[in-house]
Amino acid sequence: AFARNCTKTQQRKQSNMFSIRRASQTFREKRQSKCKSHVDLFLTKEHASLDSPTLREYILSLTKRGEQKQESEQWEDAACVWRETLKVQEQYYGTRSHLDVARTLNNLAVAISREGDEENDFEVLTLFEEALEIRQTTLGPGHEDVAETTNHLCLFLRNVQERNLPC
């Protein structure tokens, strides 16, 4: 009887975990559809070649919009803007190793972490680590931008730890 109860309990836990994963996946799909990018349309226009000043202006306007969303604490909207900015920057610079990309990665990680969804913790950690690596490699360990990303990473990890501490 005890073994049957344990088996049923394990089956319920597995079922609950499956439901949580499915809900998380559905949430991510909804967010991605909400964040539908206009980048692809923009990049297919003739004037948007990789060396185009128009594309650089578009990056600057996206950056300004992302900063405005973050200042007004519209974290979900900010994350959408930062994702779009990242996509355009990758096209424009041809790499993710550029300092502007590092700034965008850092801002995206901040916005996603402020949304407060635990399902995104790994993505946030990965974004902070990538931004930190680019900044350390390019600027050196003592630079203020390296300190900024390190500080954001530490605050994020502390929040995760506090969330997971038993009451």
N, C-alpha and C. Protein backbone atom coordinates (compact mmCIF):
# COMPACT_ATOMS: atom_id res chain seq x y z
N ALA A 1 0.83 -1.19 0.00
CA ALA A 1 0.00 0.00 0.00
C ALA A 1 0.88 1.26 0.00
N PHE A 2 1.94 1.21 0.81
CA PHE A 2 2.84 2.36 0.89
C PHE A 2 3.50 2.61 -0.47
N ALA A 3 3.94 1.54 -1.11
CA ALA A 3 4.60 1.65 -2.42
C ALA A 3 3.64 2.22 -3.46
N ARG A 4 2.35 1.80 -3.42
CA ARG A 4 1.37 2.33 -4.36
C ARG A 4 1.16 3.81 -4.13
N ASN A 5 1.07 4.23 -2.86
CA ASN A 5 0.89 5.65 -2.56
C ASN A 5 2.08 6.47 -3.03
N CYS A 6 3.29 5.92 -2.84
CA CYS A 6 4.49 6.62 -3.32
C CYS A 6 4.48 6.75 -4.82
N THR A 7 4.08 5.69 -5.50
CA THR A 7 4.02 5.72 -6.96
C THR A 7 3.00 6.75 -7.43
N LYS A 8 1.83 6.78 -6.78
CA LYS A 8 0.80 7.75 -7.15
C LYS A 8 1.29 9.18 -6.89
N THR A 9 1.97 9.37 -5.78
CA THR A 9 2.51 10.70 -5.46
C THR A 9 3.53 11.11 -6.51
N GLN A 10 4.40 10.19 -6.90
CA GLN A 10 5.40 10.50 -7.93
C GLN A 10 4.73 10.82 -9.26
N GLN A 11 3.68 10.09 -9.60
CA GLN A 11 2.97 10.33 -10.84
C GLN A 11 2.32 11.72 -10.82
N ARG A 12 1.73 12.09 -9.66
CA ARG A 12 1.12 13.41 -9.54
C ARG A 12 2.17 14.51 -9.68
N LYS A 13 3.34 14.32 -9.06
CA LYS A 13 4.42 15.30 -9.16
C LYS A 13 4.87 15.45 -10.60
N GLN A 14 5.02 14.32 -11.30
CA GLN A 14 5.43 14.36 -12.69
C GLN A 14 4.37 15.07 -13.54
N SER A 15 3.11 14.79 -13.26
CA SER A 15 2.02 15.43 -13.98
C SER A 15 2.02 16.94 -13.72
N ASN A 16 2.25 17.33 -12.46
CA ASN A 16 2.30 18.75 -12.12
C ASN A 16 3.48 19.44 -12.81
N MET A 17 4.64 18.78 -12.83
CA MET A 17 5.81 19.35 -13.49
C MET A 17 5.56 19.51 -14.98
N PHE A 18 4.89 18.52 -15.58
CA PHE A 18 4.56 18.62 -17.00
C PHE A 18 3.64 19.81 -17.24
N SER A 19 2.65 19.99 -16.36
CA SER A 19 1.72 21.12 -16.49
C SER A 19 2.45 22.45 -16.36
N ILE A 20 3.39 22.52 -15.43
CA ILE A 20 4.17 23.74 -15.23
C ILE A 20 5.01 24.03 -16.46
N ARG A 21 5.66 23.00 -17.00
CA ARG A 21 6.47 23.19 -18.21
C ARG A 21 5.62 23.65 -19.38
N ARG A 22 4.43 23.02 -19.53
CA ARG A 22 3.54 23.39 -20.63
C ARG A 22 3.07 24.84 -20.46
N ALA A 23 2.72 25.24 -19.25
CA ALA A 23 2.27 26.61 -18.99
C ALA A 23 3.40 27.59 -19.27
N SER A 24 4.61 27.23 -18.87
CA SER A 24 5.77 28.08 -19.12
C SER A 24 6.02 28.23 -20.61
N GLN A 25 5.93 27.13 -21.34
CA GLN A 25 6.13 27.17 -22.79
C GLN A 25 5.06 28.04 -23.45
N THR A 26 3.81 27.89 -23.01
CA THR A 26 2.72 28.68 -23.56
C THR A 26 2.96 30.16 -23.30
N PHE A 27 3.42 30.49 -22.08
CA PHE A 27 3.70 31.89 -21.73
C PHE A 27 4.79 32.45 -22.64
N ARG A 28 5.88 31.68 -22.84
CA ARG A 28 6.97 32.14 -23.70
C ARG A 28 6.48 32.35 -25.13
N GLU A 29 5.63 31.43 -25.63
CA GLU A 29 5.11 31.56 -26.98
C GLU A 29 4.25 32.82 -27.11
N LYS A 30 3.44 33.11 -26.09
CA LYS A 30 2.61 34.31 -26.12
C LYS A 30 3.48 35.55 -26.11
N ARG A 31 4.54 35.53 -25.27
CA ARG A 31 5.43 36.68 -25.21
C ARG A 31 6.13 36.88 -26.54
N GLN A 32 6.57 35.79 -27.16
CA GLN A 32 7.25 35.91 -28.45
C GLN A 32 6.31 36.45 -29.51
N SER A 33 5.05 36.03 -29.50
CA SER A 33 4.12 36.55 -30.49
C SER A 33 3.81 38.01 -30.21
N LYS A 34 3.79 38.40 -28.94
CA LYS A 34 3.56 39.80 -28.60
C LYS A 34 4.74 40.65 -29.04
N CYS A 35 5.93 40.06 -28.99
CA CYS A 35 7.16 40.77 -29.36
C CYS A 35 7.47 40.63 -30.83
N LYS A 36 6.50 40.24 -31.64
CA LYS A 36 6.77 40.04 -33.07
C LYS A 36 7.63 41.18 -33.58
N SER A 37 8.66 40.81 -34.22
CA SER A 37 9.66 41.77 -34.65
C SER A 37 9.33 42.36 -36.02
N HIS A 38 9.60 43.64 -36.13
CA HIS A 38 9.50 44.30 -37.43
C HIS A 38 10.87 44.35 -38.09
N VAL A 39 11.85 43.77 -37.43
CA VAL A 39 13.22 43.81 -37.92
C VAL A 39 13.34 43.16 -39.28
N ASP A 40 12.75 41.99 -39.46
CA ASP A 40 12.88 41.28 -40.72
C ASP A 40 12.38 42.12 -41.89
N LEU A 41 11.25 42.80 -41.70
CA LEU A 41 10.74 43.67 -42.75
C LEU A 41 11.72 44.81 -43.01
N PHE A 42 12.25 45.38 -41.95
CA PHE A 42 13.18 46.49 -42.07
C PHE A 42 14.44 46.06 -42.81
N LEU A 43 14.96 44.92 -42.47
CA LEU A 43 16.21 44.46 -43.06
C LEU A 43 16.07 44.07 -44.52
N THR A 44 14.85 43.79 -44.98
CA THR A 44 14.68 43.40 -46.38
C THR A 44 14.54 44.61 -47.29
N LYS A 45 14.35 45.80 -46.73
CA LYS A 45 14.26 46.99 -47.57
C LYS A 45 15.62 47.26 -48.20
N GLU A 46 15.60 47.84 -49.38
CA GLU A 46 16.84 48.07 -50.12
C GLU A 46 17.81 48.98 -49.37
N HIS A 47 17.28 49.99 -48.67
CA HIS A 47 18.16 50.97 -48.03
C HIS A 47 18.76 50.46 -46.73
N ALA A 48 18.44 49.25 -46.31
CA ALA A 48 18.91 48.75 -45.02
C ALA A 48 20.04 47.76 -45.18
N SER A 49 21.01 48.10 -46.00
CA SER A 49 22.17 47.23 -46.12
C SER A 49 22.96 47.29 -44.82
N LEU A 50 23.87 46.37 -44.63
CA LEU A 50 24.59 46.28 -43.36
C LEU A 50 25.43 47.51 -43.06
N ASP A 51 25.83 48.27 -44.06
CA ASP A 51 26.63 49.46 -43.80
C ASP A 51 25.77 50.73 -43.84
N SER A 52 24.49 50.58 -43.85
CA SER A 52 23.58 51.71 -43.98
C SER A 52 23.50 52.54 -42.71
N PRO A 53 23.61 53.87 -42.84
CA PRO A 53 23.41 54.73 -41.66
C PRO A 53 21.97 54.65 -41.16
N THR A 54 21.04 54.30 -42.05
CA THR A 54 19.65 54.16 -41.64
C THR A 54 19.50 53.04 -40.61
N LEU A 55 20.20 51.97 -40.81
CA LEU A 55 20.15 50.86 -39.86
C LEU A 55 20.73 51.27 -38.51
N ARG A 56 21.83 52.01 -38.54
CA ARG A 56 22.44 52.52 -37.30
C ARG A 56 21.46 53.44 -36.57
N GLU A 57 20.76 54.30 -37.31
CA GLU A 57 19.76 55.18 -36.71
C GLU A 57 18.63 54.37 -36.09
N TYR A 58 18.26 53.30 -36.74
CA TYR A 58 17.21 52.43 -36.22
C TYR A 58 17.66 51.80 -34.89
N ILE A 59 18.90 51.38 -34.81
CA ILE A 59 19.44 50.83 -33.56
C ILE A 59 19.38 51.88 -32.47
N LEU A 60 19.77 53.10 -32.79
CA LEU A 60 19.75 54.18 -31.79
C LEU A 60 18.33 54.48 -31.31
N SER A 61 17.36 54.45 -32.24
CA SER A 61 15.97 54.70 -31.84
C SER A 61 15.43 53.56 -30.98
N LEU A 62 15.81 52.33 -31.30
CA LEU A 62 15.40 51.20 -30.47
C LEU A 62 16.01 51.30 -29.07
N THR A 63 17.28 51.69 -29.01
CA THR A 63 17.95 51.83 -27.72
C THR A 63 17.25 52.88 -26.87
N LYS A 64 16.92 54.01 -27.47
CA LYS A 64 16.22 55.06 -26.74
C LYS A 64 14.85 54.57 -26.25
N ARG A 65 14.15 53.84 -27.10
CA ARG A 65 12.83 53.32 -26.72
C ARG A 65 12.96 52.31 -25.59
N GLY A 66 13.98 51.44 -25.64
CA GLY A 66 14.21 50.47 -24.57
C GLY A 66 14.51 51.15 -23.24
N GLU A 67 15.33 52.20 -23.30
CA GLU A 67 15.64 52.94 -22.08
C GLU A 67 14.41 53.60 -21.50
N GLN A 68 13.54 54.15 -22.36
CA GLN A 68 12.30 54.77 -21.89
C GLN A 68 11.39 53.75 -21.22
N LYS A 69 11.29 52.57 -21.82
CA LYS A 69 10.44 51.52 -21.23
C LYS A 69 10.99 51.09 -19.86
N GLN A 70 12.31 50.99 -19.76
CA GLN A 70 12.91 50.59 -18.47
C GLN A 70 12.72 51.68 -17.43
N GLU A 71 12.91 52.94 -17.82
CA GLU A 71 12.74 54.04 -16.88
C GLU A 71 11.31 54.10 -16.34
N SER A 72 10.34 53.74 -17.16
CA SER A 72 8.95 53.73 -16.72
C SER A 72 8.54 52.37 -16.15
N GLU A 73 9.52 51.48 -15.97
CA GLU A 73 9.32 50.15 -15.38
C GLU A 73 8.31 49.30 -16.13
N GLN A 74 8.27 49.44 -17.44
CA GLN A 74 7.46 48.59 -18.30
C GLN A 74 8.36 47.47 -18.78
N TRP A 75 8.60 46.51 -17.88
CA TRP A 75 9.65 45.52 -18.08
C TRP A 75 9.39 44.60 -19.26
N GLU A 76 8.16 44.16 -19.43
CA GLU A 76 7.86 43.25 -20.54
C GLU A 76 8.06 43.95 -21.89
N ASP A 77 7.59 45.19 -21.98
CA ASP A 77 7.78 45.95 -23.21
C ASP A 77 9.26 46.23 -23.45
N ALA A 78 9.97 46.55 -22.37
CA ALA A 78 11.41 46.81 -22.49
C ALA A 78 12.12 45.57 -23.02
N ALA A 79 11.77 44.41 -22.50
CA ALA A 79 12.40 43.16 -22.96
C ALA A 79 12.16 42.95 -24.45
N CYS A 80 10.94 43.24 -24.90
CA CYS A 80 10.64 43.10 -26.34
C CYS A 80 11.52 44.03 -27.17
N VAL A 81 11.67 45.26 -26.72
CA VAL A 81 12.49 46.23 -27.45
C VAL A 81 13.95 45.80 -27.46
N TRP A 82 14.45 45.32 -26.30
CA TRP A 82 15.85 44.89 -26.23
C TRP A 82 16.10 43.67 -27.11
N ARG A 83 15.13 42.77 -27.19
CA ARG A 83 15.29 41.61 -28.08
C ARG A 83 15.40 42.05 -29.55
N GLU A 84 14.57 42.99 -29.91
CA GLU A 84 14.61 43.50 -31.28
C GLU A 84 15.93 44.23 -31.53
N THR A 85 16.36 45.01 -30.56
CA THR A 85 17.64 45.73 -30.69
C THR A 85 18.78 44.75 -30.88
N LEU A 86 18.78 43.70 -30.09
CA LEU A 86 19.83 42.68 -30.19
C LEU A 86 19.87 42.05 -31.58
N LYS A 87 18.71 41.75 -32.11
CA LYS A 87 18.64 41.14 -33.43
C LYS A 87 19.21 42.07 -34.50
N VAL A 88 18.88 43.35 -34.43
CA VAL A 88 19.38 44.31 -35.41
C VAL A 88 20.89 44.50 -35.24
N GLN A 89 21.34 44.59 -33.98
CA GLN A 89 22.77 44.76 -33.74
C GLN A 89 23.58 43.59 -34.27
N GLU A 90 23.07 42.39 -34.12
CA GLU A 90 23.78 41.22 -34.65
C GLU A 90 23.92 41.32 -36.17
N GLN A 91 22.88 41.82 -36.83
CA GLN A 91 22.96 42.01 -38.28
C GLN A 91 23.94 43.13 -38.62
N TYR A 92 23.87 44.22 -37.89
CA TYR A 92 24.68 45.39 -38.19
C TYR A 92 26.16 45.16 -37.92
N TYR A 93 26.48 44.59 -36.75
CA TYR A 93 27.88 44.38 -36.38
C TYR A 93 28.43 43.05 -36.87
N GLY A 94 27.55 42.12 -37.17
CA GLY A 94 28.00 40.81 -37.65
C GLY A 94 28.58 39.93 -36.55
N THR A 95 28.39 40.33 -35.30
CA THR A 95 28.93 39.58 -34.16
C THR A 95 28.16 39.94 -32.90
N ARG A 96 28.30 39.09 -31.89
CA ARG A 96 27.74 39.42 -30.58
C ARG A 96 28.84 39.93 -29.65
N SER A 97 30.04 40.15 -30.15
CA SER A 97 31.17 40.54 -29.31
C SER A 97 31.40 42.04 -29.28
N HIS A 98 30.44 42.83 -29.66
CA HIS A 98 30.57 44.28 -29.69
C HIS A 98 30.09 44.88 -28.37
N LEU A 99 30.68 45.99 -27.97
CA LEU A 99 30.29 46.63 -26.70
C LEU A 99 28.83 47.08 -26.68
N ASP A 100 28.32 47.54 -27.82
CA ASP A 100 26.90 47.92 -27.87
C ASP A 100 26.01 46.70 -27.64
N VAL A 101 26.42 45.57 -28.17
CA VAL A 101 25.68 44.32 -27.95
C VAL A 101 25.73 43.94 -26.47
N ALA A 102 26.88 44.12 -25.84
CA ALA A 102 27.01 43.82 -24.41
C ALA A 102 26.06 44.69 -23.59
N ARG A 103 25.94 45.95 -23.95
CA ARG A 103 25.02 46.84 -23.24
C ARG A 103 23.57 46.35 -23.41
N THR A 104 23.24 45.95 -24.62
CA THR A 104 21.89 45.45 -24.88
C THR A 104 21.62 44.16 -24.13
N LEU A 105 22.60 43.25 -24.11
CA LEU A 105 22.45 42.00 -23.36
C LEU A 105 22.22 42.29 -21.87
N ASN A 106 22.98 43.24 -21.33
CA ASN A 106 22.83 43.63 -19.93
C ASN A 106 21.42 44.19 -19.68
N ASN A 107 20.97 45.09 -20.55
CA ASN A 107 19.65 45.70 -20.39
C ASN A 107 18.53 44.67 -20.54
N LEU A 108 18.69 43.75 -21.48
CA LEU A 108 17.70 42.69 -21.66
C LEU A 108 17.62 41.81 -20.41
N ALA A 109 18.77 41.47 -19.86
CA ALA A 109 18.78 40.65 -18.65
C ALA A 109 18.10 41.36 -17.48
N VAL A 110 18.35 42.66 -17.34
CA VAL A 110 17.70 43.44 -16.27
C VAL A 110 16.19 43.42 -16.47
N ALA A 111 15.74 43.69 -17.70
CA ALA A 111 14.30 43.75 -17.96
C ALA A 111 13.62 42.40 -17.69
N ILE A 112 14.23 41.32 -18.16
CA ILE A 112 13.62 40.00 -17.96
C ILE A 112 13.62 39.65 -16.47
N SER A 113 14.70 39.96 -15.78
CA SER A 113 14.75 39.63 -14.34
C SER A 113 13.71 40.42 -13.57
N ARG A 114 13.43 41.64 -13.98
CA ARG A 114 12.44 42.47 -13.29
C ARG A 114 11.01 42.00 -13.55
N GLU A 115 10.82 41.24 -14.62
CA GLU A 115 9.50 40.66 -14.86
C GLU A 115 9.13 39.69 -13.75
N GLY A 116 10.15 39.08 -13.14
CA GLY A 116 9.93 38.24 -11.96
C GLY A 116 9.53 36.81 -12.22
N ASP A 117 9.63 36.33 -13.44
CA ASP A 117 9.25 34.96 -13.75
C ASP A 117 10.45 34.04 -13.52
N GLU A 118 10.33 33.14 -12.57
CA GLU A 118 11.42 32.22 -12.23
C GLU A 118 11.82 31.34 -13.40
N GLU A 119 10.92 31.11 -14.31
CA GLU A 119 11.22 30.26 -15.47
C GLU A 119 12.31 30.89 -16.35
N ASN A 120 12.53 32.19 -16.21
CA ASN A 120 13.49 32.88 -17.06
C ASN A 120 14.85 33.05 -16.39
N ASP A 121 15.03 32.48 -15.20
CA ASP A 121 16.27 32.68 -14.45
C ASP A 121 17.51 32.23 -15.23
N PHE A 122 17.44 31.10 -15.90
CA PHE A 122 18.60 30.62 -16.64
C PHE A 122 18.94 31.56 -17.80
N GLU A 123 17.92 32.05 -18.50
CA GLU A 123 18.15 32.99 -19.59
C GLU A 123 18.79 34.27 -19.07
N VAL A 124 18.29 34.78 -17.95
CA VAL A 124 18.84 36.00 -17.36
C VAL A 124 20.31 35.79 -16.99
N LEU A 125 20.59 34.69 -16.34
CA LEU A 125 21.97 34.37 -15.95
C LEU A 125 22.88 34.30 -17.17
N THR A 126 22.43 33.64 -18.21
CA THR A 126 23.20 33.51 -19.44
C THR A 126 23.46 34.87 -20.09
N LEU A 127 22.45 35.73 -20.11
CA LEU A 127 22.61 37.06 -20.72
C LEU A 127 23.62 37.90 -19.93
N PHE A 128 23.50 37.89 -18.60
CA PHE A 128 24.46 38.63 -17.78
C PHE A 128 25.88 38.11 -17.99
N GLU A 129 26.03 36.80 -18.01
CA GLU A 129 27.37 36.22 -18.19
C GLU A 129 27.97 36.60 -19.54
N GLU A 130 27.15 36.58 -20.58
CA GLU A 130 27.65 36.94 -21.91
C GLU A 130 28.05 38.42 -21.96
N ALA A 131 27.21 39.28 -21.39
CA ALA A 131 27.53 40.71 -21.35
C ALA A 131 28.81 40.95 -20.56
N LEU A 132 28.94 40.26 -19.43
CA LEU A 132 30.13 40.41 -18.59
C LEU A 132 31.38 39.96 -19.32
N GLU A 133 31.30 38.84 -20.02
CA GLU A 133 32.46 38.33 -20.76
C GLU A 133 32.91 39.32 -21.84
N ILE A 134 31.95 39.87 -22.59
CA ILE A 134 32.29 40.83 -23.64
C ILE A 134 32.95 42.06 -23.03
N ARG A 135 32.35 42.57 -21.97
CA ARG A 135 32.87 43.79 -21.34
C ARG A 135 34.25 43.56 -20.71
N GLN A 136 34.44 42.43 -20.03
CA GLN A 136 35.74 42.16 -19.42
C GLN A 136 36.83 42.00 -20.48
N THR A 137 36.51 41.29 -21.54
CA THR A 137 37.48 41.05 -22.62
C THR A 137 37.85 42.36 -23.32
N THR A 138 36.86 43.19 -23.57
CA THR A 138 37.08 44.41 -24.33
C THR A 138 37.62 45.55 -23.48
N LEU A 139 37.08 45.71 -22.28
CA LEU A 139 37.40 46.89 -21.46
C LEU A 139 38.38 46.62 -20.32
N GLY A 140 38.49 45.37 -19.93
CA GLY A 140 39.34 45.04 -18.78
C GLY A 140 38.51 44.96 -17.51
N PRO A 141 39.00 44.25 -16.51
CA PRO A 141 38.22 43.96 -15.31
C PRO A 141 37.89 45.19 -14.44
N GLY A 142 38.64 46.27 -14.54
CA GLY A 142 38.41 47.41 -13.66
C GLY A 142 37.49 48.48 -14.21
N HIS A 143 36.93 48.28 -15.39
CA HIS A 143 36.09 49.30 -16.03
C HIS A 143 34.73 49.40 -15.36
N GLU A 144 34.15 50.60 -15.37
CA GLU A 144 32.85 50.83 -14.73
C GLU A 144 31.72 50.03 -15.37
N ASP A 145 31.79 49.77 -16.68
CA ASP A 145 30.75 48.97 -17.33
C ASP A 145 30.81 47.51 -16.86
N VAL A 146 32.02 47.03 -16.61
CA VAL A 146 32.20 45.68 -16.06
C VAL A 146 31.59 45.63 -14.66
N ALA A 147 31.86 46.68 -13.88
CA ALA A 147 31.30 46.76 -12.52
C ALA A 147 29.78 46.81 -12.55
N GLU A 148 29.21 47.53 -13.53
CA GLU A 148 27.76 47.63 -13.65
C GLU A 148 27.13 46.25 -13.88
N THR A 149 27.67 45.51 -14.84
CA THR A 149 27.14 44.18 -15.13
C THR A 149 27.36 43.23 -13.96
N THR A 150 28.52 43.31 -13.34
CA THR A 150 28.80 42.47 -12.17
C THR A 150 27.80 42.76 -11.06
N ASN A 151 27.52 44.04 -10.84
CA ASN A 151 26.55 44.43 -9.81
C ASN A 151 25.16 43.89 -10.13
N HIS A 152 24.73 44.04 -11.38
CA HIS A 152 23.42 43.52 -11.78
C HIS A 152 23.35 42.00 -11.59
N LEU A 153 24.42 41.32 -11.95
CA LEU A 153 24.47 39.87 -11.80
C LEU A 153 24.38 39.48 -10.33
N CYS A 154 25.11 40.17 -9.47
CA CYS A 154 25.08 39.87 -8.03
C CYS A 154 23.70 40.11 -7.43
N LEU A 155 23.06 41.22 -7.82
CA LEU A 155 21.71 41.51 -7.33
C LEU A 155 20.73 40.43 -7.78
N PHE A 156 20.85 40.01 -9.02
CA PHE A 156 19.98 38.96 -9.55
C PHE A 156 20.17 37.67 -8.77
N LEU A 157 21.43 37.27 -8.56
CA LEU A 157 21.70 36.03 -7.84
C LEU A 157 21.21 36.10 -6.39
N ARG A 158 21.35 37.25 -5.77
CA ARG A 158 20.83 37.41 -4.40
C ARG A 158 19.31 37.27 -4.38
N ASN A 159 18.63 37.86 -5.37
CA ASN A 159 17.17 37.73 -5.43
C ASN A 159 16.75 36.28 -5.63
N VAL A 160 17.47 35.57 -6.48
CA VAL A 160 17.16 34.15 -6.70
C VAL A 160 17.37 33.38 -5.41
N GLN A 161 18.46 33.66 -4.73
CA GLN A 161 18.74 32.96 -3.47
C GLN A 161 17.65 33.25 -2.43
N GLU A 162 17.24 34.49 -2.30
CA GLU A 162 16.19 34.86 -1.33
C GLU A 162 14.87 34.18 -1.67
N ARG A 163 14.56 34.09 -2.96
CA ARG A 163 13.32 33.43 -3.39
C ARG A 163 13.32 31.95 -3.01
N ASN A 164 14.50 31.34 -3.03
CA ASN A 164 14.59 29.89 -2.83
C ASN A 164 14.90 29.48 -1.40
N LEU A 165 15.07 30.44 -0.51
CA LEU A 165 15.32 30.09 0.88
C LEU A 165 14.04 29.58 1.53
N PRO A 166 14.15 28.54 2.35
CA PRO A 166 12.93 28.07 3.04
C PRO A 166 12.51 29.10 4.07
N CYS A 167 11.21 29.20 4.26
CA CYS A 167 10.67 30.17 5.22
C CYS A 167 11.05 29.82 6.64
